[in-house]
Amino acid sequence: MTNATLPPFIRHLLKPENYPHPAAPVQLVQTHISYVLLAGDFVYKFKKPVDFGFLDFTTLAKRRFFCEQEVVLNRRLCPDLYLGVVKVTDQQGNLALDGAGEAVEYGVKMRRMPEERMMARLLASDQCTTAMLDDIVAVLVPFYDAAAANAEIGAFGSAQAVAVNVLENFTQTATFVGSPALSRLQYDGINAYARAFLGHEEIFAARVAGGRVRDCHGDLYSANICLADRVYIYDCIEFNQRFRYCDVASDVAFLAMDLDCHGRQDLAMHFIGRFVEVSGDNGLATVLNFYKCYRAYVRGKIGLFTAAAPEVDAASRARCLEQARGYFVLAEGYANT
């Protein structure tokens, strides 16, 4: 996407002089659902007006509500990272950040983390250690212990409820089958594996009965973890409760899958082993592979969605498709295990 085709408020915020603090140089990062502006010591995140079925940001009121939810929910793990909701205002054609006039957009303001300490970067440079994973476990176990858990939340861990999340991915990616990223053989094989495992209702019922379904993070992987002066786990799912109300195993499986994806199966095994040891969740292994497959497929789907967005440039599109291909290969491997 060229600057000329970006929304006016994003074009406005790409100029460092339009911030109330030093911001140069401003960097724009896009996902399939967000515009993220890196501006000096701060990050501003704005939701795109999209509707994917599983999320709906199509109205200003909805985007404001989910910005508020994002701040509240992420302060559970990062109270000093999420600074609050900001607005872009328009007064007689003059846009401003938190200025006078009518609010035309809402976003989330965050404190910027040191990029060199992002977990994904540490993994890429082979600097991630078992001690770092132990530190992550030390944050996660008390988080899950304190997370909300009741009959309503527990119901999201049943086979029927999990099936809604898992099987919709196949519906949403059906039109991409046969593309370089997703073959018919992969699609059919992963689909069949998922449906067969979902038939074991007793496995899911045991997890619910054991109190393992809680208000979790929902998006727990290295892109959302910073290992700086302490462990920061941020950017949880705010847009749909059914992706956050899940088995703890689904949450930790995401990070384990991500470590596998980086070629660090050794770290994935250590992470899961340490988590089971500290949490006492000895039944986690019964569902781990299933949830790793689910998480890999979701990441592949997101890559397809991002690549298909008209505002994404050619280089980003190619990168997203290659990443999606890798995730589908990984999901296929789990399905064949």
Protein backbone atom coordinates (compact mmCIF):
# COMPACT_ATOMS: atom_id res chain seq x y z
CA MET A 1 0.00 0.00 0.00
CA THR A 2 1.36 3.41 -0.94
CA ASN A 3 0.97 6.33 1.44
CA ALA A 4 -1.61 7.86 -0.91
CA THR A 5 -3.98 4.91 -0.39
CA LEU A 6 -3.61 4.74 3.39
CA PRO A 7 -6.43 6.15 5.53
CA PRO A 8 -6.01 9.90 6.06
CA PHE A 9 -5.44 9.55 9.80
CA ILE A 10 -2.61 7.05 9.22
CA ARG A 11 -1.00 9.37 6.67
CA HIS A 12 -1.28 12.12 9.28
CA LEU A 13 0.38 9.99 11.95
CA LEU A 14 3.23 8.98 9.68
CA LYS A 15 4.55 12.53 10.16
CA PRO A 16 6.65 12.81 13.34
CA GLU A 17 5.59 16.41 13.92
CA ASN A 18 2.01 15.29 14.57
CA TYR A 19 2.88 13.63 17.90
CA PRO A 20 3.11 15.32 21.30
CA HIS A 21 6.51 13.66 21.86
CA PRO A 22 9.65 12.91 19.83
CA ALA A 23 8.59 10.32 17.24
CA ALA A 24 11.03 10.32 14.32
CA PRO A 25 11.29 8.13 12.42
CA VAL A 26 7.72 6.80 12.42
CA GLN A 27 7.44 3.23 11.18
CA LEU A 28 4.21 1.59 10.00
CA VAL A 29 3.66 -2.15 10.44
CA GLN A 30 0.49 -3.78 9.13
CA THR A 31 -1.29 -6.99 10.06
CA HIS A 32 -4.51 -8.32 8.60
CA ILE A 33 -6.45 -6.46 11.30
CA SER A 34 -4.26 -3.57 12.48
CA TYR A 35 -2.14 -0.57 11.64
CA VAL A 36 0.74 -0.36 14.12
CA LEU A 37 2.77 2.85 14.32
CA LEU A 38 6.16 2.78 16.03
CA ALA A 39 6.76 6.35 17.12
CA GLY A 40 9.69 7.12 19.38
CA ASP A 41 9.24 5.54 22.79
CA PHE A 42 5.63 4.62 22.08
CA VAL A 43 3.50 2.34 19.91
CA TYR A 44 0.05 3.24 18.59
CA LYS A 45 -2.20 0.45 17.40
CA PHE A 46 -5.33 1.09 15.31
CA LYS A 47 -7.85 -1.52 14.21
CA LYS A 48 -8.73 -1.85 10.53
CA PRO A 49 -12.48 -1.63 9.71
CA VAL A 50 -12.68 -5.31 8.73
CA ASP A 51 -15.13 -8.14 9.34
CA PHE A 52 -13.74 -11.68 9.18
CA GLY A 53 -16.72 -13.26 10.88
CA PHE A 54 -14.68 -14.17 13.96
CA LEU A 55 -14.04 -10.45 14.49
CA ASP A 56 -15.95 -7.34 13.50
CA PHE A 57 -14.29 -3.92 13.61
CA THR A 58 -16.55 -2.32 11.00
CA THR A 59 -17.92 0.57 13.07
CA LEU A 60 -16.16 3.26 15.06
CA ALA A 61 -18.11 2.25 18.17
CA LYS A 62 -16.90 -1.34 17.86
CA ARG A 63 -13.31 -0.29 17.36
CA ARG A 64 -13.49 1.95 20.44
CA PHE A 65 -15.00 -0.86 22.53
CA PHE A 66 -12.36 -3.37 21.51
CA CYS A 67 -9.58 -0.85 22.12
CA GLU A 68 -10.90 -0.48 25.66
CA GLN A 69 -11.07 -4.26 26.02
CA GLU A 70 -7.52 -4.60 24.72
CA VAL A 71 -6.19 -2.30 27.41
CA VAL A 72 -8.12 -3.92 30.27
CA LEU A 73 -7.30 -7.49 29.30
CA ASN A 74 -3.63 -6.92 28.56
CA ARG A 75 -3.07 -5.11 31.82
CA ARG A 76 -3.52 -8.52 33.48
CA LEU A 77 0.01 -9.40 32.40
CA CYS A 78 1.46 -5.98 31.44
CA PRO A 79 -0.09 -3.25 33.61
CA ASP A 80 2.70 -0.76 32.89
CA LEU A 81 2.90 -1.44 29.15
CA TYR A 82 -0.66 -0.51 28.11
CA LEU A 83 -1.03 3.22 28.67
CA GLY A 84 -4.62 3.67 27.53
CA VAL A 85 -6.97 4.43 24.66
CA VAL A 86 -6.24 7.42 22.41
CA LYS A 87 -8.41 9.10 19.81
CA VAL A 88 -7.75 10.84 16.52
CA THR A 89 -9.89 13.95 16.23
CA ASP A 90 -10.99 16.11 13.33
CA GLN A 91 -11.70 19.79 13.88
CA GLN A 92 -12.68 21.52 10.65
CA GLY A 93 -10.45 19.25 8.60
CA ASN A 94 -7.52 19.39 10.99
CA LEU A 95 -6.57 15.96 12.37
CA ALA A 96 -4.92 15.64 15.76
CA LEU A 97 -3.98 12.97 18.25
CA ASP A 98 -6.16 13.41 21.35
CA GLY A 99 -7.10 16.88 20.13
CA ALA A 100 -10.30 18.91 20.02
CA GLY A 101 -13.13 18.12 17.65
CA GLU A 102 -14.94 14.97 16.59
CA ALA A 103 -13.32 11.59 17.24
CA VAL A 104 -12.79 9.86 13.90
CA GLU A 105 -10.72 6.92 15.15
CA TYR A 106 -9.60 5.21 18.34
CA GLY A 107 -6.40 3.36 19.10
CA VAL A 108 -4.29 1.88 21.87
CA LYS A 109 -1.15 3.57 23.15
CA MET A 110 1.62 1.36 24.47
CA ARG A 111 5.09 1.80 25.82
CA ARG A 112 7.58 0.60 23.22
CA MET A 113 9.60 -2.46 24.11
CA PRO A 114 13.27 -2.89 23.08
CA GLU A 115 13.14 -4.69 19.72
CA GLU A 116 16.40 -6.49 20.33
CA ARG A 117 14.76 -8.28 23.28
CA MET A 118 11.71 -9.51 21.39
CA MET A 119 11.52 -13.28 21.72
CA ALA A 120 11.11 -13.82 17.98
CA ARG A 121 14.35 -11.92 17.37
CA LEU A 122 16.14 -13.84 20.11
CA LEU A 123 15.02 -17.10 18.52
CA ALA A 124 16.18 -15.96 15.09
CA SER A 125 19.64 -15.11 16.46
CA ASP A 126 19.87 -18.31 18.54
CA GLN A 127 19.91 -16.39 21.82
CA CYS A 128 16.81 -17.93 23.40
CA THR A 129 17.67 -20.15 26.38
CA THR A 130 15.97 -22.66 28.62
CA ALA A 131 16.34 -20.17 31.48
CA MET A 132 14.24 -17.67 29.52
CA LEU A 133 11.54 -20.29 29.04
CA ASP A 134 11.63 -21.04 32.76
CA ASP A 135 11.02 -17.33 33.37
CA ILE A 136 8.04 -17.43 30.99
CA VAL A 137 6.60 -20.43 32.83
CA ALA A 138 7.06 -18.58 36.13
CA VAL A 139 4.81 -15.83 34.76
CA LEU A 140 2.26 -18.07 33.07
CA VAL A 141 1.47 -20.51 35.87
CA PRO A 142 0.29 -17.89 38.40
CA PHE A 143 -1.51 -16.06 35.57
CA TYR A 144 -3.54 -19.14 34.73
CA ASP A 145 -4.11 -19.93 38.39
CA ALA A 146 -5.62 -16.47 38.87
CA ALA A 147 -7.49 -16.37 35.54
CA ALA A 148 -11.28 -16.49 35.61
CA ALA A 149 -12.77 -19.98 35.49
CA ASN A 150 -16.46 -20.80 35.83
CA ALA A 151 -19.15 -22.91 34.19
CA GLU A 152 -19.66 -20.42 31.35
CA ILE A 153 -15.95 -20.31 30.53
CA GLY A 154 -15.58 -24.05 31.01
CA ALA A 155 -18.20 -24.73 28.36
CA PHE A 156 -15.79 -23.34 25.77
CA GLY A 157 -13.53 -26.33 26.40
CA SER A 158 -16.08 -28.95 25.35
CA ALA A 159 -15.50 -30.86 22.13
CA GLN A 160 -18.49 -29.13 20.57
CA ALA A 161 -17.24 -25.64 21.41
CA VAL A 162 -13.65 -26.36 20.37
CA ALA A 163 -14.99 -27.76 17.09
CA VAL A 164 -16.48 -24.36 16.26
CA ASN A 165 -13.04 -22.74 16.48
CA VAL A 166 -11.18 -25.54 14.74
CA LEU A 167 -13.53 -26.41 11.90
CA GLU A 168 -14.26 -22.83 10.84
CA ASN A 169 -10.63 -22.60 9.74
CA PHE A 170 -11.26 -25.14 7.02
CA THR A 171 -14.30 -23.24 5.80
CA GLN A 172 -12.36 -19.99 5.78
CA THR A 173 -9.42 -21.41 3.84
CA ALA A 174 -11.36 -23.54 1.34
CA THR A 175 -10.93 -21.01 -1.47
CA PHE A 176 -7.13 -21.07 -0.99
CA VAL A 177 -6.82 -24.84 -1.50
CA GLY A 178 -4.60 -25.60 -4.46
CA SER A 179 -2.55 -22.45 -4.00
CA PRO A 180 1.24 -22.72 -3.54
CA ALA A 181 0.75 -22.37 0.21
CA LEU A 182 -1.94 -25.01 0.81
CA SER A 183 -2.38 -28.23 -1.17
CA ARG A 184 -5.53 -30.33 -1.40
CA LEU A 185 -3.69 -33.23 0.27
CA GLN A 186 -2.69 -31.05 3.24
CA TYR A 187 -6.16 -29.56 3.59
CA ASP A 188 -7.96 -32.90 3.52
CA GLY A 189 -5.46 -34.62 5.82
CA ILE A 190 -5.45 -31.94 8.52
CA ASN A 191 -9.24 -31.62 8.31
CA ALA A 192 -9.70 -35.38 8.76
CA TYR A 193 -7.28 -35.49 11.71
CA ALA A 194 -9.02 -32.62 13.49
CA ARG A 195 -12.48 -34.14 13.04
CA ALA A 196 -11.32 -37.53 14.27
CA PHE A 197 -9.74 -36.09 17.42
CA LEU A 198 -12.80 -33.96 18.16
CA GLY A 199 -14.75 -37.20 18.29
CA HIS A 200 -13.03 -38.03 21.58
CA GLU A 201 -15.46 -35.99 23.66
CA GLU A 202 -14.30 -37.63 26.89
CA ILE A 203 -10.82 -36.14 26.54
CA PHE A 204 -12.20 -32.61 26.37
CA ALA A 205 -14.69 -33.29 29.17
CA ALA A 206 -11.85 -34.39 31.44
CA ARG A 207 -9.98 -31.16 30.79
CA VAL A 208 -13.08 -29.14 31.64
CA ALA A 209 -13.71 -31.15 34.80
CA GLY A 210 -10.10 -30.62 35.84
CA GLY A 211 -10.52 -26.84 35.76
CA ARG A 212 -8.10 -26.41 32.86
CA VAL A 213 -10.36 -24.13 30.78
CA ARG A 214 -9.85 -20.51 31.75
CA ASP A 215 -9.82 -16.92 30.51
CA CYS A 216 -6.40 -17.27 28.89
CA HIS A 217 -4.22 -15.14 26.64
CA GLY A 218 -5.29 -16.60 23.30
CA ASP A 219 -2.31 -15.51 21.20
CA LEU A 220 0.70 -16.80 23.10
CA TYR A 221 3.70 -16.97 20.79
CA SER A 222 7.10 -15.35 20.40
CA ALA A 223 5.87 -12.28 18.48
CA ASN A 224 3.92 -11.27 21.59
CA ILE A 225 6.67 -11.83 24.17
CA CYS A 226 9.49 -9.50 25.13
CA LEU A 227 12.29 -10.70 27.41
CA ALA A 228 13.63 -7.41 28.71
CA ASP A 229 14.03 -6.34 32.34
CA ARG A 230 11.28 -8.89 32.99
CA VAL A 231 8.95 -11.07 30.94
CA TYR A 232 6.32 -9.11 29.02
CA ILE A 233 3.52 -11.15 27.46
CA TYR A 234 1.21 -8.82 25.59
CA ASP A 235 -1.35 -8.52 22.76
CA CYS A 236 -3.86 -11.05 24.01
CA ILE A 237 -7.09 -11.75 22.12
CA GLU A 238 -9.66 -9.07 22.88
CA PHE A 239 -11.98 -9.31 19.88
CA ASN A 240 -13.66 -12.65 20.55
CA GLN A 241 -14.06 -14.41 23.89
CA ARG A 242 -14.25 -17.86 22.35
CA PHE A 243 -10.61 -17.58 21.28
CA ARG A 244 -9.52 -16.52 24.77
CA TYR A 245 -11.77 -18.82 26.81
CA CYS A 246 -9.82 -21.99 26.17
CA ASP A 247 -7.89 -24.88 27.59
CA VAL A 248 -4.61 -23.75 29.10
CA ALA A 249 -3.10 -26.46 26.89
CA SER A 250 -4.26 -24.56 23.79
CA ASP A 251 -2.44 -21.45 25.01
CA VAL A 252 0.88 -23.13 25.79
CA ALA A 253 0.62 -25.31 22.67
CA PHE A 254 0.79 -22.13 20.61
CA LEU A 255 4.19 -21.20 22.03
CA ALA A 256 5.39 -24.80 21.77
CA MET A 257 4.32 -24.87 18.10
CA ASP A 258 6.08 -21.57 17.52
CA LEU A 259 9.30 -22.97 18.96
CA ASP A 260 8.93 -25.99 16.67
CA CYS A 261 8.42 -23.60 13.75
CA HIS A 262 11.73 -21.92 14.59
CA GLY A 263 13.41 -25.32 14.50
CA ARG A 264 13.81 -25.42 18.28
CA GLN A 265 12.01 -28.63 19.19
CA ASP A 266 14.43 -28.93 22.10
CA LEU A 267 13.16 -25.66 23.58
CA ALA A 268 9.55 -26.68 22.92
CA MET A 269 10.04 -29.91 24.85
CA HIS A 270 11.75 -28.06 27.70
CA PHE A 271 9.01 -25.45 27.86
CA ILE A 272 6.20 -28.02 28.02
CA GLY A 273 8.10 -30.18 30.49
CA ARG A 274 8.75 -27.24 32.78
CA PHE A 275 5.16 -26.02 32.50
CA VAL A 276 3.77 -29.44 33.44
CA GLU A 277 6.22 -29.69 36.34
CA VAL A 278 5.32 -26.29 37.83
CA SER A 279 1.58 -26.34 37.07
CA GLY A 280 0.96 -29.98 37.89
CA ASP A 281 -1.04 -30.32 34.66
CA ASN A 282 -0.15 -33.93 33.98
CA GLY A 283 -3.03 -34.38 31.53
CA LEU A 284 -1.78 -31.70 29.15
CA ALA A 285 -0.03 -34.23 26.92
CA THR A 286 -3.34 -35.81 25.90
CA VAL A 287 -4.33 -32.70 23.91
CA LEU A 288 -0.99 -31.02 23.17
CA ASN A 289 -0.48 -32.32 19.63
CA PHE A 290 -4.08 -31.54 18.65
CA TYR A 291 -3.80 -27.95 19.84
CA LYS A 292 -0.38 -27.50 18.20
CA CYS A 293 -1.94 -28.58 14.91
CA TYR A 294 -4.82 -26.16 15.42
CA ARG A 295 -2.48 -23.27 16.22
CA ALA A 296 -0.24 -23.95 13.23
CA TYR A 297 -3.23 -24.01 10.90
CA VAL A 298 -4.54 -20.73 12.31
CA ARG A 299 -1.18 -19.04 11.71
CA GLY A 300 -1.22 -20.37 8.16
CA LYS A 301 -4.72 -18.99 7.67
CA ILE A 302 -3.68 -15.57 8.94
CA GLY A 303 -0.81 -15.57 6.45
CA LEU A 304 -3.26 -16.26 3.64
CA PHE A 305 -5.61 -13.53 4.83
CA THR A 306 -2.83 -10.96 5.10
CA ALA A 307 -1.44 -11.83 1.67
CA ALA A 308 -4.91 -11.46 0.15
CA ALA A 309 -5.48 -7.97 1.58
CA PRO A 310 -5.42 -5.38 -1.24
CA GLU A 311 -3.42 -2.87 0.79
CA VAL A 312 -0.45 -5.24 1.29
CA ASP A 313 2.56 -4.66 -0.96
CA ALA A 314 4.05 -7.37 -3.17
CA ALA A 315 7.06 -8.10 -0.96
CA SER A 316 4.90 -8.48 2.15
CA ARG A 317 2.46 -10.65 0.20
CA ALA A 318 5.22 -13.03 -0.88
CA ARG A 319 6.61 -13.20 2.64
CA CYS A 320 3.19 -13.95 4.14
CA LEU A 321 2.53 -16.71 1.63
CA GLU A 322 5.88 -18.34 2.35
CA GLN A 323 5.21 -18.20 6.08
CA ALA A 324 1.74 -19.66 5.54
CA ARG A 325 3.20 -22.51 3.53
CA GLY A 326 5.56 -23.32 6.41
CA TYR A 327 2.76 -23.33 8.95
CA PHE A 328 0.63 -25.69 6.85
CA VAL A 329 3.59 -28.06 6.50
CA LEU A 330 3.96 -27.98 10.29
CA ALA A 331 0.23 -28.61 10.84
CA GLU A 332 0.39 -31.53 8.41
CA GLY A 333 3.27 -32.98 10.43
CA TYR A 334 1.26 -32.82 13.65
CA ALA A 335 -1.73 -34.41 11.91
CA ASN A 336 0.45 -37.30 10.75
CA THR A 337 2.09 -37.88 14.13
